[in-house]
Amino acid sequence: MSDQSISISPITKYFYLITGFILVGVGIIGIFLPLLPTTIFLILASVCFLKSSPKANEWLRNHKILGVYIDNYQNKTGLTRNAKIANIITLWTSISLSAFLLTDELYIRIILLVIAIGVTIHLLMIKTKKPSN
């Protein structure tokens, strides 16, 4: 295979561009819904933008809020202690509200509890970085 990039049709480029923006939207929703993984959607959006619009990819990677998710993931710099605490509080608040206000089924409450425990363990295992002053 040569070093030249593979040319794709304009329709395919628009498909990747639109898909990229949809993935950014889902990633933004994931910031507020702890069970939805923000970072993976933003990484997938970046891949779509790489195939369709380098300008859109630069916008995402340099975005004041969204770019941090991609950066932290790629550089494995971790989360600050405050970010971990905020994520865990949001997680348990949303899980608790869902478990006790949206369902009466015991098995669903147990599933939500197991998910909350798993996500909490995952968050605690992520490297803790010192906040930048």
N, C-alpha and C. Protein backbone atom coordinates (compact mmCIF):
# COMPACT_ATOMS: atom_id res chain seq x y z
N MET A 1 0.84 -1.17 0.00
CA MET A 1 0.00 0.00 0.00
C MET A 1 0.89 1.24 0.00
N SER A 2 0.53 2.23 -0.74
CA SER A 2 1.34 3.44 -0.84
C SER A 2 1.05 4.38 0.33
N ASP A 3 1.88 5.41 0.45
CA ASP A 3 1.73 6.39 1.52
C ASP A 3 0.60 7.38 1.25
N GLN A 4 0.08 7.39 0.02
CA GLN A 4 -0.97 8.32 -0.31
C GLN A 4 -2.26 7.92 0.41
N SER A 5 -3.00 8.94 0.86
CA SER A 5 -4.25 8.63 1.53
C SER A 5 -5.29 8.15 0.52
N ILE A 6 -6.15 7.27 0.98
CA ILE A 6 -7.17 6.71 0.12
C ILE A 6 -8.26 7.74 -0.06
N SER A 7 -8.65 7.96 -1.31
CA SER A 7 -9.67 8.94 -1.63
C SER A 7 -11.06 8.32 -1.40
N ILE A 8 -11.93 9.09 -0.75
CA ILE A 8 -13.30 8.62 -0.55
C ILE A 8 -14.27 9.60 -1.21
N SER A 9 -15.44 9.09 -1.55
CA SER A 9 -16.42 9.90 -2.26
C SER A 9 -16.96 11.01 -1.37
N PRO A 10 -17.48 12.08 -1.98
CA PRO A 10 -18.08 13.17 -1.19
C PRO A 10 -19.24 12.68 -0.32
N ILE A 11 -20.02 11.73 -0.81
CA ILE A 11 -21.13 11.21 -0.01
C ILE A 11 -20.61 10.52 1.24
N THR A 12 -19.54 9.75 1.07
CA THR A 12 -18.94 9.06 2.21
C THR A 12 -18.37 10.07 3.21
N LYS A 13 -17.74 11.13 2.69
CA LYS A 13 -17.21 12.17 3.58
C LYS A 13 -18.32 12.82 4.40
N TYR A 14 -19.46 13.12 3.75
CA TYR A 14 -20.59 13.71 4.47
C TYR A 14 -21.16 12.73 5.50
N PHE A 15 -21.19 11.46 5.13
CA PHE A 15 -21.66 10.44 6.07
C PHE A 15 -20.78 10.44 7.32
N TYR A 16 -19.46 10.42 7.13
CA TYR A 16 -18.53 10.44 8.27
C TYR A 16 -18.66 11.73 9.07
N LEU A 17 -18.83 12.85 8.38
CA LEU A 17 -18.96 14.14 9.06
C LEU A 17 -20.22 14.18 9.92
N ILE A 18 -21.35 13.78 9.34
CA ILE A 18 -22.61 13.76 10.09
C ILE A 18 -22.53 12.78 11.26
N THR A 19 -21.97 11.60 10.99
CA THR A 19 -21.81 10.60 12.05
C THR A 19 -20.92 11.15 13.17
N GLY A 20 -19.87 11.87 12.80
CA GLY A 20 -18.98 12.47 13.78
C GLY A 20 -19.72 13.44 14.69
N PHE A 21 -20.56 14.29 14.10
CA PHE A 21 -21.30 15.26 14.92
C PHE A 21 -22.36 14.57 15.78
N ILE A 22 -22.96 13.50 15.28
CA ILE A 22 -23.90 12.73 16.10
C ILE A 22 -23.17 12.12 17.30
N LEU A 23 -21.97 11.58 17.04
CA LEU A 23 -21.17 10.99 18.12
C LEU A 23 -20.75 12.05 19.14
N VAL A 24 -20.44 13.25 18.68
CA VAL A 24 -20.13 14.35 19.61
C VAL A 24 -21.35 14.64 20.48
N GLY A 25 -22.53 14.67 19.86
CA GLY A 25 -23.76 14.90 20.62
C GLY A 25 -23.99 13.85 21.69
N VAL A 26 -23.80 12.58 21.31
CA VAL A 26 -23.96 11.49 22.28
C VAL A 26 -22.90 11.62 23.38
N GLY A 27 -21.68 11.99 23.00
CA GLY A 27 -20.63 12.19 23.99
C GLY A 27 -20.97 13.30 24.97
N ILE A 28 -21.56 14.37 24.48
CA ILE A 28 -21.97 15.48 25.36
C ILE A 28 -23.06 15.00 26.32
N ILE A 29 -24.00 14.23 25.82
CA ILE A 29 -25.04 13.67 26.70
C ILE A 29 -24.38 12.81 27.77
N GLY A 30 -23.34 12.07 27.38
CA GLY A 30 -22.62 11.21 28.32
C GLY A 30 -21.94 11.96 29.45
N ILE A 31 -21.66 13.23 29.24
CA ILE A 31 -21.08 14.04 30.32
C ILE A 31 -22.06 14.12 31.48
N PHE A 32 -23.35 14.15 31.15
CA PHE A 32 -24.39 14.31 32.17
C PHE A 32 -25.03 13.00 32.61
N LEU A 33 -24.87 11.94 31.81
CA LEU A 33 -25.40 10.62 32.16
C LEU A 33 -24.23 9.69 32.43
N PRO A 34 -23.95 9.39 33.68
CA PRO A 34 -22.75 8.64 34.03
C PRO A 34 -22.66 7.24 33.42
N LEU A 35 -23.77 6.65 33.04
CA LEU A 35 -23.72 5.31 32.46
C LEU A 35 -23.34 5.32 30.98
N LEU A 36 -23.35 6.50 30.37
CA LEU A 36 -23.00 6.63 28.96
C LEU A 36 -21.54 7.10 28.88
N PRO A 37 -20.68 6.30 28.26
CA PRO A 37 -19.25 6.64 28.25
C PRO A 37 -18.93 7.77 27.27
N THR A 38 -18.59 8.91 27.78
CA THR A 38 -18.30 10.09 26.96
C THR A 38 -17.08 9.90 26.08
N THR A 39 -15.99 9.44 26.66
CA THR A 39 -14.71 9.41 25.96
C THR A 39 -14.75 8.59 24.68
N ILE A 40 -15.34 7.40 24.73
CA ILE A 40 -15.33 6.54 23.54
C ILE A 40 -16.09 7.18 22.38
N PHE A 41 -17.19 7.86 22.68
CA PHE A 41 -17.95 8.52 21.61
C PHE A 41 -17.15 9.67 21.00
N LEU A 42 -16.41 10.40 21.83
CA LEU A 42 -15.59 11.49 21.31
C LEU A 42 -14.41 10.96 20.50
N ILE A 43 -13.85 9.84 20.91
CA ILE A 43 -12.76 9.23 20.13
C ILE A 43 -13.29 8.76 18.78
N LEU A 44 -14.46 8.12 18.78
CA LEU A 44 -15.06 7.68 17.51
C LEU A 44 -15.40 8.88 16.62
N ALA A 45 -15.86 9.96 17.24
CA ALA A 45 -16.14 11.18 16.47
C ALA A 45 -14.86 11.70 15.83
N SER A 46 -13.77 11.67 16.57
CA SER A 46 -12.48 12.11 16.04
C SER A 46 -12.05 11.26 14.84
N VAL A 47 -12.29 9.96 14.93
CA VAL A 47 -11.96 9.07 13.81
C VAL A 47 -12.81 9.44 12.59
N CYS A 48 -14.09 9.68 12.81
CA CYS A 48 -14.97 10.08 11.70
C CYS A 48 -14.51 11.40 11.09
N PHE A 49 -14.12 12.33 11.94
CA PHE A 49 -13.66 13.62 11.45
C PHE A 49 -12.34 13.49 10.68
N LEU A 50 -11.48 12.58 11.12
CA LEU A 50 -10.23 12.35 10.39
C LEU A 50 -10.50 11.90 8.96
N LYS A 51 -11.58 11.13 8.78
CA LYS A 51 -11.93 10.62 7.46
C LYS A 51 -12.71 11.63 6.62
N SER A 52 -13.26 12.66 7.28
CA SER A 52 -14.12 13.57 6.54
C SER A 52 -13.66 15.02 6.54
N SER A 53 -13.18 15.50 7.68
CA SER A 53 -12.86 16.92 7.80
C SER A 53 -11.78 17.16 8.85
N PRO A 54 -10.55 17.33 8.42
CA PRO A 54 -9.49 17.62 9.39
C PRO A 54 -9.79 18.87 10.23
N LYS A 55 -10.52 19.82 9.64
CA LYS A 55 -10.88 21.04 10.37
C LYS A 55 -11.82 20.71 11.53
N ALA A 56 -12.79 19.83 11.32
CA ALA A 56 -13.70 19.42 12.39
C ALA A 56 -12.94 18.65 13.47
N ASN A 57 -11.98 17.83 13.05
CA ASN A 57 -11.18 17.08 14.02
C ASN A 57 -10.35 18.03 14.88
N GLU A 58 -9.76 19.03 14.27
CA GLU A 58 -8.99 20.02 15.04
C GLU A 58 -9.88 20.77 16.00
N TRP A 59 -11.10 21.11 15.54
CA TRP A 59 -12.05 21.79 16.43
C TRP A 59 -12.32 20.93 17.66
N LEU A 60 -12.58 19.63 17.45
CA LEU A 60 -12.88 18.73 18.56
C LEU A 60 -11.69 18.58 19.49
N ARG A 61 -10.53 18.33 18.94
CA ARG A 61 -9.34 18.10 19.76
C ARG A 61 -8.91 19.35 20.53
N ASN A 62 -9.21 20.53 19.97
CA ASN A 62 -8.83 21.78 20.63
C ASN A 62 -9.97 22.41 21.44
N HIS A 63 -11.13 21.75 21.47
CA HIS A 63 -12.27 22.28 22.20
C HIS A 63 -11.94 22.36 23.69
N LYS A 64 -12.33 23.46 24.31
CA LYS A 64 -11.99 23.73 25.71
C LYS A 64 -12.46 22.61 26.66
N ILE A 65 -13.63 22.06 26.42
CA ILE A 65 -14.17 21.03 27.31
C ILE A 65 -14.00 19.64 26.71
N LEU A 66 -14.43 19.45 25.48
CA LEU A 66 -14.44 18.12 24.87
C LEU A 66 -13.04 17.60 24.56
N GLY A 67 -12.15 18.48 24.20
CA GLY A 67 -10.79 18.07 23.86
C GLY A 67 -10.06 17.43 25.02
N VAL A 68 -10.42 17.81 26.23
CA VAL A 68 -9.78 17.27 27.43
C VAL A 68 -10.03 15.77 27.54
N TYR A 69 -11.23 15.33 27.18
CA TYR A 69 -11.56 13.90 27.27
C TYR A 69 -10.65 13.08 26.36
N ILE A 70 -10.44 13.56 25.16
CA ILE A 70 -9.58 12.85 24.20
C ILE A 70 -8.14 12.89 24.68
N ASP A 71 -7.71 14.06 25.12
CA ASP A 71 -6.34 14.24 25.62
C ASP A 71 -6.04 13.33 26.81
N ASN A 72 -6.92 13.35 27.80
CA ASN A 72 -6.71 12.53 28.99
C ASN A 72 -6.65 11.05 28.63
N TYR A 73 -7.46 10.64 27.69
CA TYR A 73 -7.47 9.23 27.28
C TYR A 73 -6.18 8.87 26.56
N GLN A 74 -5.81 9.67 25.58
CA GLN A 74 -4.62 9.36 24.78
C GLN A 74 -3.34 9.46 25.59
N ASN A 75 -3.26 10.41 26.49
CA ASN A 75 -2.05 10.60 27.28
C ASN A 75 -2.07 9.82 28.60
N LYS A 76 -3.19 9.18 28.90
CA LYS A 76 -3.36 8.41 30.14
C LYS A 76 -2.95 9.23 31.37
N THR A 77 -3.40 10.50 31.39
CA THR A 77 -3.04 11.37 32.50
C THR A 77 -3.98 11.23 33.69
N GLY A 78 -5.13 10.61 33.50
CA GLY A 78 -6.03 10.34 34.60
C GLY A 78 -7.01 11.46 34.88
N LEU A 79 -7.67 11.34 36.04
CA LEU A 79 -8.67 12.30 36.49
C LEU A 79 -8.21 12.94 37.79
N THR A 80 -8.60 14.19 37.99
CA THR A 80 -8.29 14.82 39.27
C THR A 80 -9.17 14.19 40.36
N ARG A 81 -8.78 14.35 41.59
CA ARG A 81 -9.55 13.82 42.71
C ARG A 81 -10.95 14.42 42.71
N ASN A 82 -11.04 15.73 42.45
CA ASN A 82 -12.35 16.39 42.41
C ASN A 82 -13.23 15.85 41.29
N ALA A 83 -12.63 15.54 40.14
CA ALA A 83 -13.39 14.98 39.03
C ALA A 83 -13.91 13.59 39.39
N LYS A 84 -13.08 12.81 40.05
CA LYS A 84 -13.53 11.48 40.49
C LYS A 84 -14.69 11.59 41.47
N ILE A 85 -14.56 12.49 42.44
CA ILE A 85 -15.62 12.67 43.44
C ILE A 85 -16.91 13.12 42.76
N ALA A 86 -16.81 14.10 41.86
CA ALA A 86 -18.00 14.61 41.16
C ALA A 86 -18.64 13.50 40.33
N ASN A 87 -17.83 12.71 39.63
CA ASN A 87 -18.37 11.61 38.82
C ASN A 87 -19.06 10.57 39.69
N ILE A 88 -18.46 10.23 40.80
CA ILE A 88 -19.04 9.20 41.67
C ILE A 88 -20.34 9.70 42.31
N ILE A 89 -20.36 10.95 42.74
CA ILE A 89 -21.59 11.52 43.31
C ILE A 89 -22.70 11.55 42.26
N THR A 90 -22.37 12.00 41.05
CA THR A 90 -23.36 12.04 39.97
C THR A 90 -23.85 10.64 39.64
N LEU A 91 -22.94 9.71 39.57
CA LEU A 91 -23.28 8.32 39.28
C LEU A 91 -24.28 7.78 40.30
N TRP A 92 -23.94 7.88 41.58
CA TRP A 92 -24.80 7.32 42.61
C TRP A 92 -26.12 8.06 42.74
N THR A 93 -26.11 9.37 42.50
CA THR A 93 -27.36 10.13 42.53
C THR A 93 -28.30 9.66 41.42
N SER A 94 -27.77 9.57 40.19
CA SER A 94 -28.62 9.17 39.07
C SER A 94 -29.06 7.71 39.18
N ILE A 95 -28.18 6.84 39.65
CA ILE A 95 -28.55 5.43 39.83
C ILE A 95 -29.62 5.30 40.92
N SER A 96 -29.43 6.02 42.01
CA SER A 96 -30.41 5.95 43.11
C SER A 96 -31.77 6.46 42.67
N LEU A 97 -31.78 7.60 41.99
CA LEU A 97 -33.05 8.15 41.50
C LEU A 97 -33.72 7.16 40.54
N SER A 98 -32.93 6.59 39.65
CA SER A 98 -33.49 5.62 38.69
C SER A 98 -34.03 4.40 39.41
N ALA A 99 -33.28 3.88 40.36
CA ALA A 99 -33.67 2.65 41.05
C ALA A 99 -34.91 2.82 41.91
N PHE A 100 -35.06 3.99 42.52
CA PHE A 100 -36.16 4.15 43.46
C PHE A 100 -37.34 4.95 42.93
N LEU A 101 -37.16 5.69 41.85
CA LEU A 101 -38.26 6.47 41.30
C LEU A 101 -38.80 5.91 39.99
N LEU A 102 -37.97 5.19 39.26
CA LEU A 102 -38.39 4.76 37.92
C LEU A 102 -38.74 3.28 37.80
N THR A 103 -38.48 2.51 38.86
CA THR A 103 -38.81 1.09 38.79
C THR A 103 -39.17 0.56 40.17
N ASP A 104 -40.03 -0.45 40.14
CA ASP A 104 -40.36 -1.17 41.37
C ASP A 104 -39.79 -2.59 41.33
N GLU A 105 -39.15 -2.93 40.22
CA GLU A 105 -38.62 -4.28 40.03
C GLU A 105 -37.30 -4.45 40.79
N LEU A 106 -37.25 -5.44 41.65
CA LEU A 106 -36.05 -5.70 42.44
C LEU A 106 -34.85 -6.05 41.56
N TYR A 107 -35.07 -6.88 40.53
CA TYR A 107 -33.95 -7.29 39.69
C TYR A 107 -33.33 -6.11 38.94
N ILE A 108 -34.14 -5.13 38.57
CA ILE A 108 -33.59 -3.94 37.90
C ILE A 108 -32.79 -3.12 38.90
N ARG A 109 -33.28 -3.01 40.11
CA ARG A 109 -32.54 -2.29 41.15
C ARG A 109 -31.19 -2.97 41.43
N ILE A 110 -31.18 -4.28 41.43
CA ILE A 110 -29.94 -5.02 41.65
C ILE A 110 -28.97 -4.79 40.49
N ILE A 111 -29.48 -4.83 39.27
CA ILE A 111 -28.64 -4.57 38.09
C ILE A 111 -28.04 -3.18 38.17
N LEU A 112 -28.86 -2.18 38.52
CA LEU A 112 -28.36 -0.81 38.64
C LEU A 112 -27.31 -0.70 39.74
N LEU A 113 -27.51 -1.38 40.84
CA LEU A 113 -26.54 -1.38 41.93
C LEU A 113 -25.21 -1.99 41.48
N VAL A 114 -25.28 -3.11 40.77
CA VAL A 114 -24.07 -3.76 40.26
C VAL A 114 -23.34 -2.84 39.28
N ILE A 115 -24.09 -2.17 38.40
CA ILE A 115 -23.48 -1.23 37.45
C ILE A 115 -22.79 -0.09 38.21
N ALA A 116 -23.47 0.46 39.20
CA ALA A 116 -22.90 1.57 39.98
C ALA A 116 -21.62 1.14 40.69
N ILE A 117 -21.63 -0.05 41.26
CA ILE A 117 -20.43 -0.56 41.93
C ILE A 117 -19.30 -0.73 40.92
N GLY A 118 -19.61 -1.32 39.77
CA GLY A 118 -18.58 -1.53 38.73
C GLY A 118 -17.99 -0.23 38.22
N VAL A 119 -18.84 0.74 37.94
CA VAL A 119 -18.35 2.03 37.44
C VAL A 119 -17.55 2.75 38.53
N THR A 120 -17.98 2.65 39.77
CA THR A 120 -17.24 3.26 40.88
C THR A 120 -15.85 2.65 40.99
N ILE A 121 -15.77 1.33 40.92
CA ILE A 121 -14.46 0.66 40.97
C ILE A 121 -13.59 1.12 39.81
N HIS A 122 -14.18 1.20 38.62
CA HIS A 122 -13.42 1.66 37.45
C HIS A 122 -12.89 3.08 37.67
N LEU A 123 -13.74 3.97 38.16
CA LEU A 123 -13.31 5.35 38.39
C LEU A 123 -12.21 5.42 39.44
N LEU A 124 -12.31 4.61 40.47
CA LEU A 124 -11.29 4.63 41.51
C LEU A 124 -9.96 4.06 41.02
N MET A 125 -10.01 3.19 40.02
CA MET A 125 -8.78 2.58 39.51
C MET A 125 -8.05 3.48 38.50
N ILE A 126 -8.75 4.48 37.97
CA ILE A 126 -8.11 5.42 37.05
C ILE A 126 -7.08 6.24 37.82
N LYS A 127 -5.95 6.48 37.19
CA LYS A 127 -4.89 7.26 37.80
C LYS A 127 -5.44 8.61 38.26
N THR A 128 -5.02 9.02 39.47
CA THR A 128 -5.42 10.33 39.99
C THR A 128 -4.30 11.32 39.70
N LYS A 129 -4.66 12.37 38.99
CA LYS A 129 -3.65 13.39 38.67
C LYS A 129 -3.86 14.61 39.55
N LYS A 130 -2.80 15.33 39.73
CA LYS A 130 -2.85 16.55 40.51
C LYS A 130 -3.53 17.64 39.68
N PRO A 131 -4.39 18.45 40.31
CA PRO A 131 -5.06 19.52 39.56
C PRO A 131 -4.06 20.56 39.10
N SER A 132 -4.29 21.11 37.92
CA SER A 132 -3.41 22.18 37.42
C SER A 132 -3.85 23.50 38.02
N ASN A 133 -2.91 24.24 38.54
CA ASN A 133 -3.24 25.52 39.21
C ASN A 133 -3.00 26.68 38.30
